[in-house]
Amino acid sequence: MICEICGKETDKLRKVYIEGVLLEVCEECAKLGKIIPEIKKKTEIRKSKEEKEELVLKPRWYVAVRRCLEKELKKGLKMKDIASKWGIKETLLRKISRGDIEIDIPTAKKLEKIVGESLVMTIEEKGEISNIKKGEENEHKRTLGDMVIIKIKRKK
């Protein structure tokens, strides 16, 4: 990127008002005018946090919601009352508790506070879980070839 005043190449340019004109200049030339602070929009901030964390729903996340819902129902509350207490529609609550729909991460975070359990995890954690499951399957499953080798060893 090139400074609009001195022509120097730089990695970062600053937006500055100089003599009433908005220019993109280097750090040295920025001292000549009024620096415009960089303002990120709220949506950009939210997106950057989600991108850093890369959150996904846990497998069978809806079971925790169902457990909490069942506790509320045992207290004598109606589904309609629970839904309004939780701040979601009754039909949505029914679908969530059955696991019929996938919810977005902000809704999952909201439900985490209500349920008292974690419903999301990072992509790294998800990868570790799937690797563990793959390892367990390989450890406990035997193939026909494995059985043949075992029988041959027993005969000796």
N, C-alpha and C. Protein backbone atom coordinates (compact mmCIF):
# COMPACT_ATOMS: atom_id res chain seq x y z
N MET A 1 0.84 -1.17 0.00
CA MET A 1 0.00 0.00 0.00
C MET A 1 0.89 1.24 0.00
N ILE A 2 0.45 2.25 -0.67
CA ILE A 2 1.27 3.44 -0.86
C ILE A 2 0.61 4.65 -0.22
N CYS A 3 1.40 5.42 0.51
CA CYS A 3 0.95 6.65 1.16
C CYS A 3 0.57 7.67 0.08
N GLU A 4 -0.57 8.33 0.27
CA GLU A 4 -1.05 9.29 -0.73
C GLU A 4 -0.34 10.63 -0.65
N ILE A 5 0.50 10.84 0.37
CA ILE A 5 1.24 12.11 0.46
C ILE A 5 2.68 11.92 0.01
N CYS A 6 3.40 11.03 0.70
CA CYS A 6 4.83 10.89 0.41
C CYS A 6 5.15 9.79 -0.59
N GLY A 7 4.21 8.87 -0.85
CA GLY A 7 4.44 7.81 -1.82
C GLY A 7 5.21 6.62 -1.26
N LYS A 8 5.45 6.61 0.06
CA LYS A 8 6.19 5.52 0.69
C LYS A 8 5.32 4.28 0.78
N GLU A 9 5.93 3.10 0.49
CA GLU A 9 5.21 1.83 0.63
C GLU A 9 5.21 1.42 2.09
N THR A 10 4.05 0.96 2.58
CA THR A 10 3.92 0.56 3.97
C THR A 10 2.88 -0.56 4.10
N ASP A 11 2.94 -1.27 5.22
CA ASP A 11 1.99 -2.36 5.45
C ASP A 11 0.63 -1.84 5.93
N LYS A 12 0.67 -0.69 6.62
CA LYS A 12 -0.57 -0.17 7.20
C LYS A 12 -0.72 1.31 6.88
N LEU A 13 -1.89 1.66 6.39
CA LEU A 13 -2.21 3.06 6.12
C LEU A 13 -3.26 3.53 7.11
N ARG A 14 -3.22 4.79 7.47
CA ARG A 14 -4.19 5.39 8.38
C ARG A 14 -5.06 6.36 7.61
N LYS A 15 -6.33 6.43 7.96
CA LYS A 15 -7.22 7.42 7.34
C LYS A 15 -7.09 8.71 8.15
N VAL A 16 -6.82 9.82 7.43
CA VAL A 16 -6.55 11.10 8.08
C VAL A 16 -7.22 12.23 7.29
N TYR A 17 -7.78 13.21 8.02
CA TYR A 17 -8.27 14.44 7.38
C TYR A 17 -7.14 15.45 7.40
N ILE A 18 -6.71 15.87 6.21
CA ILE A 18 -5.70 16.90 6.08
C ILE A 18 -6.28 17.98 5.18
N GLU A 19 -6.40 19.21 5.72
CA GLU A 19 -6.96 20.34 4.99
C GLU A 19 -8.35 20.01 4.42
N GLY A 20 -9.14 19.24 5.19
CA GLY A 20 -10.51 18.92 4.78
C GLY A 20 -10.65 17.78 3.79
N VAL A 21 -9.54 17.11 3.50
CA VAL A 21 -9.56 16.01 2.54
C VAL A 21 -9.23 14.71 3.27
N LEU A 22 -9.99 13.66 3.02
CA LEU A 22 -9.73 12.35 3.63
C LEU A 22 -8.70 11.62 2.79
N LEU A 23 -7.56 11.29 3.41
CA LEU A 23 -6.47 10.61 2.72
C LEU A 23 -6.05 9.37 3.49
N GLU A 24 -5.47 8.40 2.78
CA GLU A 24 -4.87 7.23 3.41
C GLU A 24 -3.37 7.42 3.34
N VAL A 25 -2.76 7.55 4.55
CA VAL A 25 -1.35 7.91 4.61
C VAL A 25 -0.59 7.00 5.57
N CYS A 26 0.74 7.07 5.51
CA CYS A 26 1.59 6.30 6.42
C CYS A 26 1.56 6.92 7.82
N GLU A 27 2.19 6.26 8.77
CA GLU A 27 2.19 6.72 10.16
C GLU A 27 2.83 8.10 10.30
N GLU A 28 3.93 8.35 9.56
CA GLU A 28 4.63 9.63 9.66
C GLU A 28 3.76 10.78 9.13
N CYS A 29 3.11 10.56 7.99
CA CYS A 29 2.28 11.60 7.40
C CYS A 29 0.97 11.78 8.16
N ALA A 30 0.57 10.77 8.92
CA ALA A 30 -0.67 10.86 9.70
C ALA A 30 -0.58 11.96 10.75
N LYS A 31 0.64 12.33 11.16
CA LYS A 31 0.85 13.38 12.16
C LYS A 31 0.46 14.76 11.63
N LEU A 32 0.33 14.88 10.32
CA LEU A 32 0.04 16.16 9.70
C LEU A 32 -1.45 16.54 9.75
N GLY A 33 -2.31 15.57 10.09
CA GLY A 33 -3.73 15.86 10.09
C GLY A 33 -4.46 15.21 11.25
N LYS A 34 -5.78 15.18 11.15
CA LYS A 34 -6.60 14.60 12.19
C LYS A 34 -6.87 13.13 11.84
N ILE A 35 -6.39 12.21 12.71
CA ILE A 35 -6.52 10.77 12.47
C ILE A 35 -7.96 10.34 12.73
N ILE A 36 -8.51 9.56 11.80
CA ILE A 36 -9.85 9.00 11.94
C ILE A 36 -9.70 7.61 12.57
N PRO A 37 -10.26 7.41 13.77
CA PRO A 37 -10.11 6.09 14.41
C PRO A 37 -10.86 5.02 13.62
N GLU A 38 -10.27 3.81 13.60
CA GLU A 38 -10.91 2.70 12.91
C GLU A 38 -12.00 2.15 13.81
N ILE A 39 -13.21 2.10 13.29
CA ILE A 39 -14.34 1.61 14.06
C ILE A 39 -14.87 0.35 13.39
N LYS A 40 -14.90 -0.73 14.16
CA LYS A 40 -15.47 -1.97 13.65
C LYS A 40 -16.95 -1.99 13.99
N LYS A 41 -17.73 -2.46 13.05
CA LYS A 41 -19.16 -2.60 13.31
C LYS A 41 -19.36 -3.78 14.26
N LYS A 42 -20.47 -3.75 15.00
CA LYS A 42 -20.76 -4.82 15.95
C LYS A 42 -20.82 -6.17 15.27
N THR A 43 -21.37 -6.22 14.06
CA THR A 43 -21.47 -7.50 13.36
C THR A 43 -20.09 -8.03 13.01
N GLU A 44 -19.16 -7.12 12.65
CA GLU A 44 -17.80 -7.55 12.34
C GLU A 44 -17.11 -8.10 13.58
N ILE A 45 -17.34 -7.47 14.72
CA ILE A 45 -16.74 -7.93 15.97
C ILE A 45 -17.29 -9.30 16.31
N ARG A 46 -18.61 -9.47 16.20
CA ARG A 46 -19.24 -10.75 16.50
C ARG A 46 -18.71 -11.84 15.58
N LYS A 47 -18.60 -11.55 14.29
CA LYS A 47 -18.11 -12.53 13.33
C LYS A 47 -16.67 -12.92 13.64
N SER A 48 -15.85 -11.93 13.99
CA SER A 48 -14.45 -12.25 14.24
C SER A 48 -14.30 -13.15 15.47
N LYS A 49 -15.14 -12.94 16.50
CA LYS A 49 -15.10 -13.81 17.68
C LYS A 49 -15.52 -15.22 17.32
N GLU A 50 -16.58 -15.36 16.53
CA GLU A 50 -17.05 -16.68 16.13
C GLU A 50 -16.03 -17.37 15.25
N GLU A 51 -15.35 -16.62 14.36
CA GLU A 51 -14.36 -17.21 13.49
C GLU A 51 -13.17 -17.72 14.30
N LYS A 52 -12.78 -16.96 15.33
CA LYS A 52 -11.66 -17.39 16.16
C LYS A 52 -11.99 -18.67 16.90
N GLU A 53 -13.20 -18.73 17.47
CA GLU A 53 -13.57 -19.89 18.26
C GLU A 53 -14.05 -21.05 17.39
N GLU A 54 -14.69 -20.76 16.27
CA GLU A 54 -15.25 -21.76 15.39
C GLU A 54 -16.03 -22.80 16.18
N LEU A 55 -17.14 -22.36 16.74
CA LEU A 55 -17.96 -23.20 17.58
C LEU A 55 -18.94 -24.02 16.75
N VAL A 56 -19.21 -25.22 17.23
CA VAL A 56 -20.20 -26.10 16.63
C VAL A 56 -21.03 -26.73 17.75
N LEU A 57 -22.20 -27.23 17.40
CA LEU A 57 -23.04 -27.89 18.38
C LEU A 57 -22.45 -29.24 18.76
N LYS A 58 -22.57 -29.60 20.03
CA LYS A 58 -22.11 -30.92 20.48
C LYS A 58 -23.02 -31.99 19.90
N PRO A 59 -22.50 -33.20 19.75
CA PRO A 59 -23.37 -34.29 19.33
C PRO A 59 -24.44 -34.51 20.41
N ARG A 60 -25.66 -34.73 20.00
CA ARG A 60 -26.79 -34.98 20.91
C ARG A 60 -26.97 -33.86 21.92
N TRP A 61 -26.78 -32.61 21.48
CA TRP A 61 -26.91 -31.42 22.33
C TRP A 61 -28.33 -31.26 22.86
N TYR A 62 -29.29 -31.71 22.08
CA TYR A 62 -30.70 -31.53 22.43
C TYR A 62 -31.12 -32.37 23.63
N VAL A 63 -30.35 -33.41 23.98
CA VAL A 63 -30.68 -34.25 25.13
C VAL A 63 -30.63 -33.43 26.43
N ALA A 64 -29.66 -32.54 26.53
CA ALA A 64 -29.56 -31.68 27.72
C ALA A 64 -30.77 -30.75 27.81
N VAL A 65 -31.22 -30.25 26.68
CA VAL A 65 -32.40 -29.39 26.66
C VAL A 65 -33.63 -30.19 27.07
N ARG A 66 -33.73 -31.41 26.55
CA ARG A 66 -34.87 -32.26 26.88
C ARG A 66 -34.91 -32.57 28.38
N ARG A 67 -33.75 -32.87 28.97
CA ARG A 67 -33.69 -33.16 30.41
C ARG A 67 -34.19 -31.98 31.23
N CYS A 68 -33.73 -30.81 30.89
CA CYS A 68 -34.15 -29.60 31.60
C CYS A 68 -35.64 -29.35 31.40
N LEU A 69 -36.12 -29.57 30.20
CA LEU A 69 -37.54 -29.39 29.90
C LEU A 69 -38.38 -30.36 30.72
N GLU A 70 -37.94 -31.61 30.81
CA GLU A 70 -38.68 -32.61 31.59
C GLU A 70 -38.74 -32.23 33.07
N LYS A 71 -37.66 -31.67 33.59
CA LYS A 71 -37.66 -31.21 34.99
C LYS A 71 -38.71 -30.12 35.19
N GLU A 72 -38.78 -29.20 34.25
CA GLU A 72 -39.75 -28.11 34.33
C GLU A 72 -41.18 -28.65 34.25
N LEU A 73 -41.39 -29.64 33.37
CA LEU A 73 -42.72 -30.22 33.22
C LEU A 73 -43.14 -30.97 34.50
N LYS A 74 -42.17 -31.62 35.17
CA LYS A 74 -42.47 -32.32 36.42
C LYS A 74 -42.88 -31.36 37.53
N LYS A 75 -42.43 -30.11 37.43
CA LYS A 75 -42.81 -29.10 38.41
C LYS A 75 -44.26 -28.65 38.22
N GLY A 76 -44.88 -29.09 37.12
CA GLY A 76 -46.27 -28.75 36.86
C GLY A 76 -46.45 -27.61 35.87
N LEU A 77 -45.36 -27.13 35.31
CA LEU A 77 -45.48 -26.06 34.31
C LEU A 77 -45.94 -26.63 32.97
N LYS A 78 -46.64 -25.82 32.21
CA LYS A 78 -47.06 -26.22 30.87
C LYS A 78 -45.99 -25.82 29.87
N MET A 79 -46.01 -26.50 28.74
CA MET A 79 -45.02 -26.25 27.69
C MET A 79 -45.04 -24.79 27.26
N LYS A 80 -46.23 -24.21 27.17
CA LYS A 80 -46.38 -22.82 26.75
C LYS A 80 -45.69 -21.89 27.76
N ASP A 81 -45.86 -22.18 29.06
CA ASP A 81 -45.25 -21.36 30.11
C ASP A 81 -43.72 -21.47 30.09
N ILE A 82 -43.24 -22.68 29.87
CA ILE A 82 -41.80 -22.90 29.83
C ILE A 82 -41.18 -22.15 28.66
N ALA A 83 -41.84 -22.23 27.50
CA ALA A 83 -41.35 -21.55 26.30
C ALA A 83 -41.27 -20.05 26.51
N SER A 84 -42.29 -19.47 27.13
CA SER A 84 -42.26 -18.02 27.36
C SER A 84 -41.20 -17.67 28.41
N LYS A 85 -41.02 -18.53 29.40
CA LYS A 85 -39.99 -18.32 30.42
C LYS A 85 -38.59 -18.35 29.80
N TRP A 86 -38.41 -19.25 28.84
CA TRP A 86 -37.11 -19.39 28.17
C TRP A 86 -36.92 -18.37 27.05
N GLY A 87 -37.97 -17.70 26.65
CA GLY A 87 -37.87 -16.67 25.62
C GLY A 87 -37.86 -17.21 24.20
N ILE A 88 -38.49 -18.37 23.98
CA ILE A 88 -38.59 -18.92 22.62
C ILE A 88 -40.03 -19.39 22.38
N LYS A 89 -40.37 -19.65 21.13
CA LYS A 89 -41.72 -20.09 20.80
C LYS A 89 -41.90 -21.55 21.21
N GLU A 90 -43.13 -21.88 21.52
CA GLU A 90 -43.45 -23.24 21.97
C GLU A 90 -43.13 -24.29 20.91
N THR A 91 -43.47 -23.99 19.66
CA THR A 91 -43.20 -24.96 18.58
C THR A 91 -41.70 -25.17 18.40
N LEU A 92 -40.93 -24.09 18.54
CA LEU A 92 -39.48 -24.21 18.43
C LEU A 92 -38.93 -25.05 19.57
N LEU A 93 -39.44 -24.85 20.77
CA LEU A 93 -39.00 -25.62 21.93
C LEU A 93 -39.27 -27.11 21.73
N ARG A 94 -40.43 -27.43 21.19
CA ARG A 94 -40.76 -28.84 20.92
C ARG A 94 -39.78 -29.45 19.92
N LYS A 95 -39.50 -28.72 18.84
CA LYS A 95 -38.58 -29.22 17.82
C LYS A 95 -37.17 -29.38 18.38
N ILE A 96 -36.75 -28.43 19.20
CA ILE A 96 -35.42 -28.48 19.81
C ILE A 96 -35.30 -29.70 20.72
N SER A 97 -36.30 -29.92 21.56
CA SER A 97 -36.24 -31.02 22.52
C SER A 97 -36.25 -32.39 21.84
N ARG A 98 -36.82 -32.46 20.64
CA ARG A 98 -36.81 -33.72 19.89
C ARG A 98 -35.55 -33.87 19.04
N GLY A 99 -34.81 -32.77 18.86
CA GLY A 99 -33.63 -32.80 18.01
C GLY A 99 -33.98 -32.73 16.54
N ASP A 100 -35.17 -32.20 16.22
CA ASP A 100 -35.61 -32.12 14.83
C ASP A 100 -34.93 -31.02 14.04
N ILE A 101 -34.39 -30.01 14.74
CA ILE A 101 -33.77 -28.89 14.02
C ILE A 101 -32.38 -28.62 14.59
N GLU A 102 -31.57 -27.97 13.79
CA GLU A 102 -30.25 -27.49 14.21
C GLU A 102 -30.42 -26.02 14.56
N ILE A 103 -29.94 -25.62 15.72
CA ILE A 103 -30.03 -24.22 16.11
C ILE A 103 -28.71 -23.53 15.84
N ASP A 104 -28.74 -22.20 15.77
CA ASP A 104 -27.51 -21.46 15.57
C ASP A 104 -26.76 -21.32 16.90
N ILE A 105 -25.51 -20.91 16.83
CA ILE A 105 -24.65 -20.83 18.01
C ILE A 105 -25.16 -19.81 19.03
N PRO A 106 -25.62 -18.60 18.62
CA PRO A 106 -26.14 -17.67 19.63
C PRO A 106 -27.34 -18.24 20.40
N THR A 107 -28.23 -18.96 19.72
CA THR A 107 -29.37 -19.58 20.40
C THR A 107 -28.88 -20.67 21.34
N ALA A 108 -27.89 -21.43 20.92
CA ALA A 108 -27.33 -22.48 21.77
C ALA A 108 -26.71 -21.88 23.02
N LYS A 109 -26.00 -20.75 22.87
CA LYS A 109 -25.41 -20.07 24.02
C LYS A 109 -26.49 -19.60 24.99
N LYS A 110 -27.59 -19.11 24.44
CA LYS A 110 -28.71 -18.66 25.27
C LYS A 110 -29.30 -19.85 26.04
N LEU A 111 -29.46 -20.98 25.35
CA LEU A 111 -30.01 -22.17 26.00
C LEU A 111 -29.05 -22.76 27.03
N GLU A 112 -27.74 -22.60 26.81
CA GLU A 112 -26.75 -23.08 27.78
C GLU A 112 -26.98 -22.47 29.15
N LYS A 113 -27.29 -21.18 29.16
CA LYS A 113 -27.52 -20.48 30.43
C LYS A 113 -28.76 -21.04 31.13
N ILE A 114 -29.77 -21.37 30.37
CA ILE A 114 -31.01 -21.89 30.93
C ILE A 114 -30.83 -23.34 31.41
N VAL A 115 -30.22 -24.15 30.56
CA VAL A 115 -30.06 -25.59 30.82
C VAL A 115 -28.99 -25.85 31.88
N GLY A 116 -27.96 -25.02 31.88
CA GLY A 116 -26.86 -25.22 32.84
C GLY A 116 -25.83 -26.21 32.37
N GLU A 117 -25.84 -26.55 31.08
CA GLU A 117 -24.86 -27.45 30.48
C GLU A 117 -24.34 -26.85 29.19
N SER A 118 -23.15 -27.26 28.82
CA SER A 118 -22.56 -26.78 27.58
C SER A 118 -23.19 -27.50 26.39
N LEU A 119 -23.62 -26.74 25.41
CA LEU A 119 -24.22 -27.31 24.21
C LEU A 119 -23.32 -27.16 22.99
N VAL A 120 -22.26 -26.35 23.11
CA VAL A 120 -21.35 -26.11 21.99
C VAL A 120 -19.93 -26.51 22.36
N MET A 121 -19.13 -26.70 21.33
CA MET A 121 -17.71 -27.00 21.52
C MET A 121 -16.95 -26.44 20.32
N THR A 122 -15.65 -26.34 20.47
CA THR A 122 -14.84 -25.85 19.35
C THR A 122 -14.64 -26.98 18.35
N ILE A 123 -14.27 -26.61 17.15
CA ILE A 123 -14.04 -27.60 16.10
C ILE A 123 -12.89 -28.52 16.49
N GLU A 124 -11.89 -27.97 17.20
CA GLU A 124 -10.76 -28.79 17.64
C GLU A 124 -11.24 -29.88 18.59
N GLU A 125 -12.12 -29.53 19.52
CA GLU A 125 -12.65 -30.52 20.46
C GLU A 125 -13.44 -31.59 19.71
N LYS A 126 -14.19 -31.18 18.70
CA LYS A 126 -14.98 -32.13 17.92
C LYS A 126 -14.05 -33.12 17.22
N GLY A 127 -12.95 -32.60 16.68
CA GLY A 127 -11.98 -33.47 16.01
C GLY A 127 -11.37 -34.47 16.97
N GLU A 128 -11.06 -34.02 18.20
CA GLU A 128 -10.49 -34.91 19.21
C GLU A 128 -11.48 -36.01 19.58
N ILE A 129 -12.74 -35.66 19.72
CA ILE A 129 -13.77 -36.66 20.06
C ILE A 129 -13.88 -37.70 18.96
N SER A 130 -13.91 -37.25 17.71
CA SER A 130 -14.06 -38.21 16.61
C SER A 130 -12.82 -39.10 16.51
N ASN A 131 -11.63 -38.55 16.80
CA ASN A 131 -10.42 -39.37 16.78
C ASN A 131 -10.45 -40.43 17.87
N ILE A 132 -10.93 -40.06 19.05
CA ILE A 132 -11.03 -41.00 20.15
C ILE A 132 -11.99 -42.12 19.78
N LYS A 133 -13.14 -41.76 19.22
CA LYS A 133 -14.12 -42.77 18.83
C LYS A 133 -13.54 -43.71 17.79
N LYS A 134 -12.81 -43.17 16.82
CA LYS A 134 -12.21 -44.02 15.79
C LYS A 134 -11.20 -44.98 16.42
N GLY A 135 -10.41 -44.46 17.37
CA GLY A 135 -9.43 -45.29 18.05
C GLY A 135 -10.08 -46.40 18.85
N GLU A 136 -11.19 -46.09 19.53
CA GLU A 136 -11.89 -47.10 20.32
C GLU A 136 -12.47 -48.19 19.42
N GLU A 137 -13.01 -47.78 18.27
CA GLU A 137 -13.58 -48.77 17.37
C GLU A 137 -12.51 -49.73 16.90
N ASN A 138 -11.35 -49.19 16.53
CA ASN A 138 -10.27 -50.05 16.05
C ASN A 138 -9.75 -50.95 17.16
N GLU A 139 -9.79 -50.45 18.40
CA GLU A 139 -9.26 -51.21 19.51
C GLU A 139 -10.17 -52.39 19.86
N HIS A 140 -11.48 -52.23 19.74
CA HIS A 140 -12.41 -53.26 20.19
C HIS A 140 -12.93 -54.16 19.07
N LYS A 141 -12.88 -53.71 17.85
CA LYS A 141 -13.37 -54.53 16.75
C LYS A 141 -12.27 -55.44 16.27
N ARG A 142 -12.63 -56.67 16.05
CA ARG A 142 -11.67 -57.61 15.49
C ARG A 142 -12.16 -58.04 14.11
N THR A 143 -11.23 -58.25 13.25
CA THR A 143 -11.57 -58.70 11.91
C THR A 143 -11.46 -60.22 11.85
N LEU A 144 -11.93 -60.81 10.78
CA LEU A 144 -11.82 -62.26 10.58
C LEU A 144 -10.35 -62.67 10.55
N GLY A 145 -9.52 -61.81 9.95
CA GLY A 145 -8.09 -62.09 9.90
C GLY A 145 -7.47 -62.13 11.29
N ASP A 146 -7.93 -61.26 12.18
CA ASP A 146 -7.43 -61.27 13.55
C ASP A 146 -7.77 -62.59 14.24
N MET A 147 -8.96 -63.09 14.00
CA MET A 147 -9.39 -64.35 14.62
C MET A 147 -8.57 -65.52 14.11
N VAL A 148 -8.25 -65.52 12.83
CA VAL A 148 -7.43 -66.59 12.25
C VAL A 148 -6.06 -66.59 12.90
N ILE A 149 -5.47 -65.44 13.05
CA ILE A 149 -4.14 -65.35 13.67
C ILE A 149 -4.20 -65.86 15.11
N ILE A 150 -5.23 -65.53 15.83
CA ILE A 150 -5.37 -65.97 17.23
C ILE A 150 -5.49 -67.50 17.27
N LYS A 151 -6.27 -68.12 16.39
CA LYS A 151 -6.45 -69.56 16.39
C LYS A 151 -5.14 -70.26 16.03
N ILE A 152 -4.40 -69.71 15.11
CA ILE A 152 -3.13 -70.32 14.72
C ILE A 152 -2.17 -70.28 15.90
N LYS A 153 -2.13 -69.17 16.62
CA LYS A 153 -1.25 -69.04 17.77
C LYS A 153 -1.62 -70.04 18.85
N ARG A 154 -2.89 -70.32 19.04
CA ARG A 154 -3.34 -71.24 20.08
C ARG A 154 -2.93 -72.68 19.75
N LYS A 155 -2.89 -73.05 18.48
CA LYS A 155 -2.53 -74.41 18.08
C LYS A 155 -1.07 -74.71 18.35
N LYS A 156 -0.23 -73.72 18.32
CA LYS A 156 1.21 -73.92 18.49
C LYS A 156 1.48 -74.22 19.89
